[in-house]
N, C-alpha and C. Protein backbone atom coordinates (compact mmCIF):
# COMPACT_ATOMS: atom_id res chain seq x y z
N MET A 1 0.84 -1.20 0.00
CA MET A 1 0.00 0.00 0.00
C MET A 1 0.88 1.25 0.00
N SER A 2 0.65 2.20 -0.91
CA SER A 2 1.44 3.42 -0.97
C SER A 2 1.16 4.29 0.25
N THR A 3 2.12 5.19 0.54
CA THR A 3 1.94 6.10 1.67
C THR A 3 0.71 6.98 1.48
N THR A 4 0.53 7.47 0.24
CA THR A 4 -0.63 8.33 -0.04
C THR A 4 -1.94 7.58 0.16
N HIS A 5 -2.00 6.35 -0.36
CA HIS A 5 -3.22 5.55 -0.19
C HIS A 5 -3.47 5.26 1.28
N GLY A 6 -2.40 4.97 2.01
CA GLY A 6 -2.55 4.69 3.44
C GLY A 6 -3.09 5.88 4.19
N LYS A 7 -2.63 7.09 3.84
CA LYS A 7 -3.14 8.30 4.48
C LYS A 7 -4.61 8.52 4.14
N GLN A 8 -4.98 8.24 2.90
CA GLN A 8 -6.39 8.39 2.49
C GLN A 8 -7.29 7.43 3.25
N GLU A 9 -6.80 6.19 3.42
CA GLU A 9 -7.58 5.20 4.17
C GLU A 9 -7.73 5.61 5.62
N THR A 10 -6.63 6.10 6.21
CA THR A 10 -6.68 6.55 7.60
C THR A 10 -7.64 7.72 7.74
N ARG A 11 -7.56 8.66 6.82
CA ARG A 11 -8.44 9.83 6.85
C ARG A 11 -9.90 9.42 6.76
N ARG A 12 -10.21 8.49 5.87
CA ARG A 12 -11.60 8.04 5.73
C ARG A 12 -12.07 7.32 6.99
N ARG A 13 -11.21 6.50 7.56
CA ARG A 13 -11.58 5.79 8.79
C ARG A 13 -11.86 6.77 9.93
N LEU A 14 -11.04 7.80 10.02
CA LEU A 14 -11.27 8.83 11.03
C LEU A 14 -12.59 9.56 10.79
N LEU A 15 -12.87 9.88 9.53
CA LEU A 15 -14.12 10.57 9.20
C LEU A 15 -15.34 9.75 9.56
N LEU A 16 -15.30 8.47 9.24
CA LEU A 16 -16.45 7.61 9.53
C LEU A 16 -16.63 7.44 11.04
N SER A 17 -15.53 7.40 11.78
CA SER A 17 -15.63 7.33 13.24
C SER A 17 -16.23 8.63 13.78
N ALA A 18 -15.79 9.77 13.22
CA ALA A 18 -16.35 11.05 13.64
C ALA A 18 -17.84 11.12 13.34
N LEU A 19 -18.22 10.66 12.17
CA LEU A 19 -19.63 10.69 11.77
C LEU A 19 -20.48 9.87 12.72
N SER A 20 -20.01 8.68 13.05
CA SER A 20 -20.75 7.80 13.95
C SER A 20 -20.89 8.41 15.34
N LEU A 21 -19.81 8.98 15.85
CA LEU A 21 -19.86 9.56 17.19
C LEU A 21 -20.70 10.83 17.23
N TYR A 22 -20.57 11.67 16.21
CA TYR A 22 -21.38 12.89 16.17
C TYR A 22 -22.87 12.55 16.07
N ALA A 23 -23.19 11.54 15.28
CA ALA A 23 -24.60 11.14 15.14
C ALA A 23 -25.14 10.60 16.45
N ARG A 24 -24.31 9.88 17.16
CA ARG A 24 -24.77 9.23 18.40
C ARG A 24 -24.73 10.17 19.61
N GLU A 25 -23.72 11.02 19.69
CA GLU A 25 -23.50 11.78 20.92
C GLU A 25 -23.61 13.29 20.75
N GLY A 26 -23.79 13.77 19.53
CA GLY A 26 -23.90 15.21 19.32
C GLY A 26 -22.58 15.84 18.93
N LEU A 27 -22.64 17.07 18.42
CA LEU A 27 -21.45 17.71 17.88
C LEU A 27 -20.53 18.25 18.97
N HIS A 28 -21.06 18.47 20.16
CA HIS A 28 -20.24 19.08 21.20
C HIS A 28 -19.86 18.10 22.31
N GLY A 29 -20.27 16.85 22.16
CA GLY A 29 -19.95 15.87 23.20
C GLY A 29 -18.81 14.95 22.84
N VAL A 30 -18.11 15.27 21.77
CA VAL A 30 -17.09 14.36 21.24
C VAL A 30 -15.79 15.13 21.00
N SER A 31 -14.70 14.67 21.58
CA SER A 31 -13.40 15.32 21.36
C SER A 31 -12.69 14.69 20.17
N LEU A 32 -11.74 15.41 19.61
CA LEU A 32 -10.95 14.85 18.51
C LEU A 32 -10.15 13.64 18.99
N ARG A 33 -9.69 13.68 20.22
CA ARG A 33 -8.95 12.54 20.78
C ARG A 33 -9.84 11.31 20.86
N ALA A 34 -11.12 11.50 21.24
CA ALA A 34 -12.06 10.37 21.33
C ALA A 34 -12.31 9.77 19.95
N ILE A 35 -12.37 10.62 18.93
CA ILE A 35 -12.57 10.13 17.57
C ILE A 35 -11.36 9.30 17.13
N SER A 36 -10.17 9.80 17.41
CA SER A 36 -8.95 9.07 17.08
C SER A 36 -8.96 7.69 17.73
N ALA A 37 -9.35 7.65 19.00
CA ALA A 37 -9.38 6.38 19.72
C ALA A 37 -10.42 5.44 19.14
N ALA A 38 -11.61 5.97 18.81
CA ALA A 38 -12.68 5.14 18.27
C ALA A 38 -12.31 4.56 16.92
N SER A 39 -11.47 5.26 16.17
CA SER A 39 -11.08 4.78 14.84
C SER A 39 -10.04 3.67 14.90
N GLY A 40 -9.49 3.46 16.10
CA GLY A 40 -8.44 2.45 16.25
C GLY A 40 -7.04 2.98 16.00
N SER A 41 -6.95 4.29 15.81
CA SER A 41 -5.63 4.88 15.55
C SER A 41 -4.78 4.83 16.81
N ARG A 42 -3.51 4.51 16.65
CA ARG A 42 -2.57 4.50 17.77
C ARG A 42 -2.00 5.89 18.02
N ASN A 43 -2.29 6.81 17.12
CA ASN A 43 -1.81 8.19 17.25
C ASN A 43 -2.95 9.06 17.76
N SER A 44 -2.86 9.51 18.99
CA SER A 44 -3.95 10.28 19.58
C SER A 44 -4.11 11.64 18.91
N ALA A 45 -3.09 12.08 18.16
CA ALA A 45 -3.16 13.37 17.48
C ALA A 45 -3.54 13.24 16.01
N ALA A 46 -4.01 12.06 15.61
CA ALA A 46 -4.32 11.81 14.20
C ALA A 46 -5.35 12.79 13.64
N MET A 47 -6.37 13.10 14.43
CA MET A 47 -7.41 14.02 13.96
C MET A 47 -6.83 15.41 13.71
N HIS A 48 -5.96 15.86 14.60
CA HIS A 48 -5.34 17.17 14.42
C HIS A 48 -4.47 17.17 13.16
N TYR A 49 -3.78 16.09 12.91
CA TYR A 49 -2.92 16.00 11.74
C TYR A 49 -3.73 16.10 10.44
N HIS A 50 -4.84 15.38 10.38
CA HIS A 50 -5.62 15.32 9.14
C HIS A 50 -6.60 16.49 8.98
N PHE A 51 -7.13 17.03 10.09
CA PHE A 51 -8.23 18.01 9.98
C PHE A 51 -8.00 19.31 10.75
N THR A 52 -6.96 19.39 11.53
CA THR A 52 -6.59 20.57 12.31
C THR A 52 -7.48 20.81 13.53
N ASN A 53 -8.79 20.89 13.31
CA ASN A 53 -9.72 21.16 14.41
C ASN A 53 -11.11 20.65 14.04
N LYS A 54 -12.07 20.91 14.95
CA LYS A 54 -13.43 20.39 14.71
C LYS A 54 -14.05 21.00 13.46
N ALA A 55 -13.80 22.27 13.22
CA ALA A 55 -14.35 22.91 12.02
C ALA A 55 -13.85 22.19 10.77
N GLY A 56 -12.59 21.77 10.79
CA GLY A 56 -12.04 21.03 9.65
C GLY A 56 -12.71 19.68 9.47
N VAL A 57 -13.06 19.04 10.59
CA VAL A 57 -13.76 17.76 10.54
C VAL A 57 -15.16 17.94 9.96
N ILE A 58 -15.87 18.96 10.42
CA ILE A 58 -17.23 19.23 9.95
C ILE A 58 -17.21 19.50 8.45
N ARG A 59 -16.25 20.31 8.01
CA ARG A 59 -16.15 20.62 6.58
C ARG A 59 -15.91 19.34 5.77
N ALA A 60 -14.97 18.50 6.25
CA ALA A 60 -14.65 17.27 5.53
C ALA A 60 -15.85 16.32 5.49
N LEU A 61 -16.60 16.25 6.57
CA LEU A 61 -17.79 15.39 6.60
C LEU A 61 -18.84 15.88 5.62
N LEU A 62 -19.07 17.18 5.61
CA LEU A 62 -20.06 17.73 4.67
C LEU A 62 -19.64 17.49 3.23
N GLU A 63 -18.36 17.66 2.94
CA GLU A 63 -17.88 17.41 1.58
C GLU A 63 -18.08 15.95 1.21
N MET A 64 -17.84 15.05 2.16
CA MET A 64 -18.03 13.62 1.89
C MET A 64 -19.51 13.30 1.65
N ILE A 65 -20.38 13.84 2.50
CA ILE A 65 -21.82 13.54 2.41
C ILE A 65 -22.42 14.15 1.15
N TYR A 66 -22.16 15.43 0.91
CA TYR A 66 -22.72 16.08 -0.27
C TYR A 66 -22.14 15.47 -1.55
N GLY A 67 -20.88 15.05 -1.48
CA GLY A 67 -20.29 14.38 -2.63
C GLY A 67 -21.00 13.08 -2.95
N GLU A 68 -21.36 12.33 -1.91
CA GLU A 68 -22.08 11.07 -2.10
C GLU A 68 -23.48 11.32 -2.66
N ILE A 69 -24.16 12.32 -2.12
CA ILE A 69 -25.50 12.66 -2.61
C ILE A 69 -25.44 13.07 -4.08
N SER A 70 -24.44 13.88 -4.44
CA SER A 70 -24.28 14.30 -5.83
C SER A 70 -23.98 13.11 -6.74
N GLU A 71 -23.18 12.17 -6.24
CA GLU A 71 -22.85 10.98 -7.03
C GLU A 71 -24.10 10.13 -7.26
N ILE A 72 -24.92 9.98 -6.24
CA ILE A 72 -26.17 9.22 -6.38
C ILE A 72 -27.07 9.90 -7.41
N ALA A 73 -27.21 11.22 -7.29
CA ALA A 73 -28.06 11.97 -8.23
C ALA A 73 -27.54 11.85 -9.65
N SER A 74 -26.21 11.88 -9.80
CA SER A 74 -25.60 11.76 -11.13
C SER A 74 -25.83 10.38 -11.72
N GLN A 75 -25.63 9.34 -10.90
CA GLN A 75 -25.81 7.97 -11.38
C GLN A 75 -27.24 7.73 -11.84
N GLN A 76 -28.19 8.33 -11.13
CA GLN A 76 -29.60 8.14 -11.47
C GLN A 76 -30.12 9.21 -12.44
N GLN A 77 -29.21 10.09 -12.85
CA GLN A 77 -29.56 11.18 -13.78
C GLN A 77 -30.75 11.99 -13.29
N LEU A 78 -30.75 12.27 -11.98
CA LEU A 78 -31.89 12.97 -11.39
C LEU A 78 -31.89 14.45 -11.71
N ALA A 79 -30.71 15.08 -11.57
CA ALA A 79 -30.65 16.52 -11.81
C ALA A 79 -31.02 16.87 -13.24
N SER A 80 -30.55 16.04 -14.19
CA SER A 80 -30.84 16.32 -15.60
C SER A 80 -32.30 16.07 -15.95
N SER A 81 -33.04 15.43 -15.04
CA SER A 81 -34.46 15.16 -15.28
C SER A 81 -35.34 16.36 -14.96
N ILE A 82 -34.75 17.36 -14.26
CA ILE A 82 -35.51 18.55 -13.89
C ILE A 82 -35.30 19.62 -14.94
N ASN A 83 -36.39 20.09 -15.51
CA ASN A 83 -36.31 21.17 -16.50
C ASN A 83 -37.48 22.13 -16.29
N ASP A 84 -37.65 23.06 -17.19
CA ASP A 84 -38.67 24.10 -17.01
C ASP A 84 -40.11 23.58 -17.08
N SER A 85 -40.27 22.32 -17.51
CA SER A 85 -41.63 21.76 -17.57
C SER A 85 -41.91 20.79 -16.42
N THR A 86 -40.92 20.56 -15.56
CA THR A 86 -41.11 19.63 -14.44
C THR A 86 -41.99 20.27 -13.38
N ASP A 87 -43.05 19.56 -12.97
CA ASP A 87 -43.94 20.16 -11.97
C ASP A 87 -43.38 20.00 -10.56
N LEU A 88 -44.03 20.65 -9.60
CA LEU A 88 -43.50 20.73 -8.24
C LEU A 88 -43.38 19.36 -7.58
N ARG A 89 -44.41 18.52 -7.74
CA ARG A 89 -44.35 17.20 -7.12
C ARG A 89 -43.15 16.40 -7.64
N GLU A 90 -42.90 16.47 -8.93
CA GLU A 90 -41.79 15.72 -9.51
C GLU A 90 -40.44 16.32 -9.08
N VAL A 91 -40.36 17.63 -8.98
CA VAL A 91 -39.14 18.27 -8.48
C VAL A 91 -38.85 17.79 -7.07
N LEU A 92 -39.85 17.74 -6.24
CA LEU A 92 -39.68 17.27 -4.85
C LEU A 92 -39.24 15.81 -4.83
N ARG A 93 -39.88 14.98 -5.64
CA ARG A 93 -39.54 13.56 -5.66
C ARG A 93 -38.10 13.35 -6.11
N LEU A 94 -37.70 14.03 -7.18
CA LEU A 94 -36.35 13.87 -7.70
C LEU A 94 -35.31 14.42 -6.72
N SER A 95 -35.67 15.46 -5.99
CA SER A 95 -34.74 16.05 -5.04
C SER A 95 -34.56 15.17 -3.80
N LEU A 96 -35.61 14.47 -3.42
CA LEU A 96 -35.55 13.64 -2.21
C LEU A 96 -35.02 12.23 -2.47
N ALA A 97 -35.11 11.78 -3.71
CA ALA A 97 -34.70 10.40 -4.02
C ALA A 97 -33.27 10.07 -3.58
N PRO A 98 -32.29 10.98 -3.76
CA PRO A 98 -30.93 10.64 -3.31
C PRO A 98 -30.83 10.40 -1.81
N LEU A 99 -31.67 11.09 -1.03
CA LEU A 99 -31.63 10.89 0.41
C LEU A 99 -32.17 9.51 0.78
N VAL A 100 -33.16 9.05 0.04
CA VAL A 100 -33.67 7.69 0.25
C VAL A 100 -32.57 6.69 -0.02
N CYS A 101 -31.86 6.87 -1.13
CA CYS A 101 -30.76 5.96 -1.48
C CYS A 101 -29.64 6.04 -0.46
N LEU A 102 -29.33 7.25 -0.01
CA LEU A 102 -28.27 7.41 0.99
C LEU A 102 -28.62 6.65 2.26
N SER A 103 -29.85 6.78 2.69
CA SER A 103 -30.29 6.11 3.91
C SER A 103 -30.34 4.59 3.75
N ARG A 104 -30.72 4.13 2.57
CA ARG A 104 -30.97 2.71 2.34
C ARG A 104 -29.73 1.95 1.87
N ASP A 105 -28.91 2.58 1.03
CA ASP A 105 -27.88 1.84 0.30
C ASP A 105 -26.44 2.12 0.75
N VAL A 106 -26.22 3.16 1.54
CA VAL A 106 -24.87 3.52 1.96
C VAL A 106 -24.71 3.17 3.44
N ASP A 107 -23.67 2.44 3.77
CA ASP A 107 -23.49 1.96 5.15
C ASP A 107 -23.58 3.09 6.17
N TRP A 108 -22.92 4.20 5.87
CA TRP A 108 -22.89 5.31 6.81
C TRP A 108 -24.00 6.32 6.55
N GLY A 109 -24.90 6.02 5.62
CA GLY A 109 -25.96 6.95 5.26
C GLY A 109 -26.87 7.37 6.41
N PRO A 110 -27.37 6.42 7.22
CA PRO A 110 -28.23 6.83 8.34
C PRO A 110 -27.52 7.77 9.32
N ASP A 111 -26.24 7.49 9.61
CA ASP A 111 -25.48 8.39 10.49
C ASP A 111 -25.34 9.77 9.85
N ALA A 112 -25.15 9.80 8.53
CA ALA A 112 -24.99 11.07 7.83
C ALA A 112 -26.25 11.93 7.96
N LEU A 113 -27.41 11.32 7.86
CA LEU A 113 -28.66 12.07 7.95
C LEU A 113 -28.91 12.58 9.37
N VAL A 114 -28.53 11.78 10.37
CA VAL A 114 -28.63 12.26 11.76
C VAL A 114 -27.67 13.43 11.98
N PHE A 115 -26.46 13.30 11.45
CA PHE A 115 -25.46 14.37 11.56
C PHE A 115 -25.98 15.65 10.93
N LEU A 116 -26.54 15.56 9.72
CA LEU A 116 -27.06 16.75 9.04
C LEU A 116 -28.20 17.38 9.83
N ALA A 117 -29.05 16.54 10.41
CA ALA A 117 -30.16 17.06 11.21
C ALA A 117 -29.62 17.80 12.44
N ARG A 118 -28.59 17.24 13.07
CA ARG A 118 -27.99 17.91 14.23
C ARG A 118 -27.36 19.25 13.82
N LEU A 119 -26.69 19.25 12.68
CA LEU A 119 -26.01 20.45 12.23
C LEU A 119 -26.98 21.57 11.92
N LEU A 120 -28.16 21.23 11.41
CA LEU A 120 -29.17 22.25 11.10
C LEU A 120 -29.61 23.00 12.35
N GLY A 121 -29.52 22.36 13.49
CA GLY A 121 -29.94 23.01 14.73
C GLY A 121 -28.81 23.71 15.45
N GLU A 122 -27.65 23.80 14.82
CA GLU A 122 -26.47 24.40 15.45
C GLU A 122 -26.58 25.91 15.54
N ALA A 123 -26.21 26.45 16.71
CA ALA A 123 -26.17 27.91 16.88
C ALA A 123 -24.74 28.43 16.77
N ASP A 124 -23.77 27.53 16.60
CA ASP A 124 -22.36 27.91 16.48
C ASP A 124 -22.14 28.63 15.15
N ASP A 125 -21.70 29.89 15.20
CA ASP A 125 -21.58 30.71 14.00
C ASP A 125 -20.58 30.11 13.00
N GLU A 126 -19.47 29.58 13.50
CA GLU A 126 -18.45 29.04 12.60
C GLU A 126 -18.96 27.82 11.87
N LEU A 127 -19.61 26.91 12.60
CA LEU A 127 -20.14 25.69 11.97
C LEU A 127 -21.28 26.03 11.01
N ALA A 128 -22.11 26.99 11.40
CA ALA A 128 -23.21 27.41 10.51
C ALA A 128 -22.65 28.01 9.23
N ALA A 129 -21.57 28.77 9.33
CA ALA A 129 -20.97 29.38 8.14
C ALA A 129 -20.42 28.32 7.20
N ILE A 130 -19.80 27.29 7.76
CA ILE A 130 -19.29 26.19 6.93
C ILE A 130 -20.44 25.47 6.24
N SER A 131 -21.49 25.18 6.99
CA SER A 131 -22.65 24.49 6.43
C SER A 131 -23.29 25.32 5.32
N ASN A 132 -23.45 26.63 5.57
CA ASN A 132 -24.06 27.50 4.56
C ASN A 132 -23.21 27.60 3.30
N GLU A 133 -21.90 27.65 3.49
CA GLU A 133 -21.00 27.74 2.34
C GLU A 133 -21.15 26.51 1.43
N LEU A 134 -21.20 25.33 2.06
CA LEU A 134 -21.20 24.10 1.27
C LEU A 134 -22.59 23.73 0.76
N SER A 135 -23.63 24.25 1.40
CA SER A 135 -24.99 23.93 0.95
C SER A 135 -25.63 25.07 0.16
N GLY A 136 -24.92 26.19 0.06
CA GLY A 136 -25.50 27.38 -0.56
C GLY A 136 -25.98 27.15 -1.98
N GLU A 137 -25.19 26.43 -2.77
CA GLU A 137 -25.58 26.19 -4.17
C GLU A 137 -26.90 25.45 -4.24
N PHE A 138 -27.07 24.45 -3.37
CA PHE A 138 -28.33 23.69 -3.37
C PHE A 138 -29.51 24.62 -3.04
N TYR A 139 -29.36 25.44 -1.99
CA TYR A 139 -30.47 26.30 -1.58
C TYR A 139 -30.85 27.30 -2.67
N HIS A 140 -29.86 27.89 -3.29
CA HIS A 140 -30.16 28.89 -4.33
C HIS A 140 -30.79 28.23 -5.56
N ARG A 141 -30.33 27.02 -5.88
CA ARG A 141 -30.93 26.30 -7.02
C ARG A 141 -32.37 25.91 -6.69
N ALA A 142 -32.59 25.43 -5.46
CA ALA A 142 -33.95 25.04 -5.05
C ALA A 142 -34.86 26.26 -5.00
N ASP A 143 -34.33 27.38 -4.52
CA ASP A 143 -35.13 28.61 -4.44
C ASP A 143 -35.52 29.08 -5.84
N ALA A 144 -34.61 28.95 -6.79
CA ALA A 144 -34.92 29.34 -8.17
C ALA A 144 -36.03 28.45 -8.75
N GLN A 145 -35.99 27.17 -8.44
CA GLN A 145 -37.04 26.26 -8.90
C GLN A 145 -38.39 26.63 -8.28
N LEU A 146 -38.39 26.93 -6.98
CA LEU A 146 -39.64 27.30 -6.32
C LEU A 146 -40.17 28.63 -6.86
N ALA A 147 -39.27 29.56 -7.17
CA ALA A 147 -39.71 30.83 -7.75
C ALA A 147 -40.41 30.60 -9.08
N ARG A 148 -39.93 29.64 -9.85
CA ARG A 148 -40.57 29.30 -11.13
C ARG A 148 -41.92 28.64 -10.92
N LEU A 149 -41.96 27.74 -9.96
CA LEU A 149 -43.15 26.92 -9.76
C LEU A 149 -44.23 27.61 -8.92
N LEU A 150 -43.79 28.53 -8.06
CA LEU A 150 -44.74 29.22 -7.17
C LEU A 150 -44.54 30.74 -7.32
N PRO A 151 -44.83 31.28 -8.49
CA PRO A 151 -44.52 32.69 -8.77
C PRO A 151 -45.31 33.67 -7.91
N ASP A 152 -46.44 33.25 -7.35
CA ASP A 152 -47.26 34.17 -6.57
C ASP A 152 -46.87 34.19 -5.09
N LEU A 153 -45.92 33.35 -4.71
CA LEU A 153 -45.48 33.30 -3.32
C LEU A 153 -44.39 34.34 -3.10
N GLY A 154 -44.54 35.15 -2.06
CA GLY A 154 -43.54 36.18 -1.78
C GLY A 154 -42.17 35.57 -1.51
N VAL A 155 -41.13 36.34 -1.79
CA VAL A 155 -39.76 35.84 -1.65
C VAL A 155 -39.48 35.37 -0.22
N GLU A 156 -39.83 36.19 0.76
CA GLU A 156 -39.54 35.83 2.15
C GLU A 156 -40.29 34.58 2.57
N VAL A 157 -41.57 34.50 2.20
CA VAL A 157 -42.37 33.32 2.54
C VAL A 157 -41.80 32.07 1.86
N ARG A 158 -41.44 32.21 0.58
CA ARG A 158 -40.89 31.08 -0.17
C ARG A 158 -39.60 30.56 0.47
N GLN A 159 -38.73 31.47 0.82
CA GLN A 159 -37.44 31.05 1.38
C GLN A 159 -37.60 30.48 2.78
N LEU A 160 -38.50 31.05 3.57
CA LEU A 160 -38.78 30.47 4.89
C LEU A 160 -39.33 29.06 4.76
N ARG A 161 -40.25 28.86 3.82
CA ARG A 161 -40.82 27.53 3.63
C ARG A 161 -39.76 26.54 3.14
N LEU A 162 -38.83 27.00 2.33
CA LEU A 162 -37.75 26.13 1.88
C LEU A 162 -36.88 25.70 3.06
N ILE A 163 -36.57 26.63 3.96
CA ILE A 163 -35.79 26.28 5.14
C ILE A 163 -36.57 25.32 6.04
N PHE A 164 -37.84 25.61 6.28
CA PHE A 164 -38.68 24.71 7.08
C PHE A 164 -38.71 23.31 6.46
N MET A 165 -38.86 23.27 5.14
CA MET A 165 -38.92 22.00 4.43
C MET A 165 -37.63 21.22 4.64
N THR A 166 -36.49 21.88 4.51
CA THR A 166 -35.20 21.21 4.66
C THR A 166 -35.04 20.65 6.06
N VAL A 167 -35.39 21.45 7.06
CA VAL A 167 -35.28 20.98 8.45
C VAL A 167 -36.16 19.77 8.67
N ASN A 168 -37.40 19.83 8.19
CA ASN A 168 -38.33 18.71 8.35
C ASN A 168 -37.82 17.45 7.65
N VAL A 169 -37.26 17.63 6.46
CA VAL A 169 -36.78 16.48 5.68
C VAL A 169 -35.64 15.78 6.41
N PHE A 170 -34.62 16.54 6.81
CA PHE A 170 -33.47 15.90 7.45
C PHE A 170 -33.83 15.28 8.79
N HIS A 171 -34.65 15.98 9.56
CA HIS A 171 -35.07 15.39 10.84
C HIS A 171 -35.96 14.17 10.61
N GLY A 172 -36.79 14.24 9.58
CA GLY A 172 -37.65 13.10 9.27
C GLY A 172 -36.84 11.87 8.89
N PHE A 173 -35.85 12.03 8.01
CA PHE A 173 -35.01 10.91 7.63
C PHE A 173 -34.18 10.43 8.81
N ALA A 174 -33.70 11.36 9.64
CA ALA A 174 -32.89 10.97 10.79
C ALA A 174 -33.68 10.16 11.80
N ASP A 175 -34.99 10.40 11.86
CA ASP A 175 -35.82 9.73 12.87
C ASP A 175 -36.67 8.61 12.30
N LEU A 176 -36.28 8.06 11.15
CA LEU A 176 -37.07 6.99 10.54
C LEU A 176 -37.23 5.79 11.46
N GLY A 177 -36.24 5.57 12.32
CA GLY A 177 -36.34 4.44 13.25
C GLY A 177 -37.53 4.55 14.18
N ALA A 178 -37.99 5.78 14.42
CA ALA A 178 -39.14 5.98 15.32
C ALA A 178 -40.43 5.43 14.73
N LEU A 179 -40.44 5.18 13.41
CA LEU A 179 -41.66 4.65 12.78
C LEU A 179 -42.01 3.26 13.28
N SER A 180 -41.07 2.57 13.87
CA SER A 180 -41.35 1.21 14.34
C SER A 180 -42.09 1.19 15.66
N HIS A 181 -42.17 2.33 16.35
CA HIS A 181 -42.86 2.35 17.64
C HIS A 181 -43.63 3.66 17.82
N THR A 182 -44.52 3.95 16.88
CA THR A 182 -45.35 5.15 16.98
C THR A 182 -46.58 4.85 17.86
N PRO A 183 -47.33 5.89 18.27
CA PRO A 183 -48.58 5.67 19.01
C PRO A 183 -49.60 4.86 18.20
N PHE A 184 -49.38 4.76 16.87
CA PHE A 184 -50.30 4.03 16.01
C PHE A 184 -49.77 2.64 15.68
N GLY A 185 -48.68 2.26 16.31
CA GLY A 185 -48.09 0.95 16.03
C GLY A 185 -46.89 1.07 15.10
N ASP A 186 -46.52 -0.04 14.50
CA ASP A 186 -45.34 -0.12 13.64
C ASP A 186 -45.69 0.36 12.23
N LEU A 187 -45.13 1.52 11.85
CA LEU A 187 -45.35 2.06 10.52
C LEU A 187 -44.10 1.91 9.64
N SER A 188 -43.12 1.17 10.13
CA SER A 188 -41.84 1.07 9.41
C SER A 188 -41.90 0.12 8.23
N THR A 189 -43.00 -0.62 8.08
CA THR A 189 -43.09 -1.59 7.00
C THR A 189 -43.50 -0.96 5.67
N ILE A 190 -43.79 0.34 5.70
CA ILE A 190 -44.17 1.03 4.47
C ILE A 190 -42.98 1.04 3.51
N GLU A 191 -43.21 0.69 2.26
CA GLU A 191 -42.12 0.64 1.28
C GLU A 191 -41.55 2.03 1.03
N ASP A 192 -40.27 2.06 0.66
CA ASP A 192 -39.57 3.33 0.46
C ASP A 192 -40.29 4.26 -0.50
N GLU A 193 -40.72 3.74 -1.64
CA GLU A 193 -41.35 4.58 -2.64
C GLU A 193 -42.69 5.14 -2.15
N VAL A 194 -43.42 4.33 -1.38
CA VAL A 194 -44.70 4.80 -0.82
C VAL A 194 -44.43 5.88 0.22
N LEU A 195 -43.41 5.64 1.06
CA LEU A 195 -43.04 6.62 2.08
C LEU A 195 -42.59 7.93 1.43
N LEU A 196 -41.83 7.82 0.36
CA LEU A 196 -41.40 9.00 -0.38
C LEU A 196 -42.60 9.76 -0.93
N GLY A 197 -43.57 9.04 -1.44
CA GLY A 197 -44.78 9.68 -1.96
C GLY A 197 -45.51 10.46 -0.89
N HIS A 198 -45.62 9.88 0.31
CA HIS A 198 -46.28 10.58 1.42
C HIS A 198 -45.49 11.84 1.80
N LEU A 199 -44.17 11.74 1.79
CA LEU A 199 -43.35 12.89 2.14
C LEU A 199 -43.50 13.99 1.09
N VAL A 200 -43.55 13.61 -0.17
CA VAL A 200 -43.76 14.59 -1.24
C VAL A 200 -45.10 15.30 -1.05
N ASP A 201 -46.15 14.54 -0.74
CA ASP A 201 -47.47 15.13 -0.50
C ASP A 201 -47.41 16.14 0.64
N TYR A 202 -46.74 15.75 1.72
CA TYR A 202 -46.63 16.61 2.92
C TYR A 202 -45.93 17.92 2.57
N LEU A 203 -44.81 17.82 1.86
CA LEU A 203 -44.04 19.00 1.51
C LEU A 203 -44.78 19.86 0.47
N TYR A 204 -45.42 19.21 -0.47
CA TYR A 204 -46.17 19.93 -1.51
C TYR A 204 -47.24 20.82 -0.87
N ASN A 205 -47.98 20.22 0.04
CA ASN A 205 -49.06 20.98 0.70
C ASN A 205 -48.51 22.09 1.57
N GLY A 206 -47.36 21.85 2.19
CA GLY A 206 -46.75 22.90 3.00
C GLY A 206 -46.24 24.06 2.17
N LEU A 207 -45.71 23.76 0.99
CA LEU A 207 -45.17 24.80 0.12
C LEU A 207 -46.26 25.61 -0.58
N THR A 208 -47.35 24.95 -0.89
CA THR A 208 -48.39 25.60 -1.71
C THR A 208 -49.55 26.15 -0.89
N GLY A 209 -49.52 25.94 0.42
CA GLY A 209 -50.62 26.43 1.27
C GLY A 209 -50.73 27.94 1.23
N PRO A 210 -51.89 28.47 1.64
CA PRO A 210 -52.09 29.93 1.60
C PRO A 210 -51.11 30.65 2.52
N SER A 211 -50.75 31.87 2.14
CA SER A 211 -49.85 32.68 2.95
C SER A 211 -50.66 33.71 3.72
N HIS A 212 -50.33 33.89 4.99
CA HIS A 212 -51.10 34.83 5.84
C HIS A 212 -50.26 36.06 6.15
């Protein structure tokens, strides 16, 4: 194994350990030293070497997660399926499909969705700035689509609803395990595509509802 490849493998192992711990214990309950130990590294300073600090870890995790989502969308040709004639329901379905695949088909996908949900609730200015920087393109592209599809909705209302929608989506995916023990019984047996359809309906109605 080359030195470069070995460093890449170590870096990925550290990232996956960080993702697992952040998803399980929160962003502020985990030290870089604890992540190094959880990864099996014999070097307690490995995280500092590869990422410098927690902000560097958060940035690297977001790049890894968004990169995977983009790869899924590219493989399924989802982005290219959206054009000026695509209606709102289909835009929502195509936009959410990669998250379903991430949760279902990628080993670390469920942890990634919990991590993203935790990050959305962060009040830390530095972490929020990193998140906004890396997700900004998505939000502006989504806002442009909503402006096309919902031309009568005011800009402020549209953007607020987009943020609400994003928070609901990530928290919803992060909490899918709760479907197995709801007050109505086990709802986890619903197939992915049916569940996606219900989520699209929920978001569609929230986006298109009357503005007060």
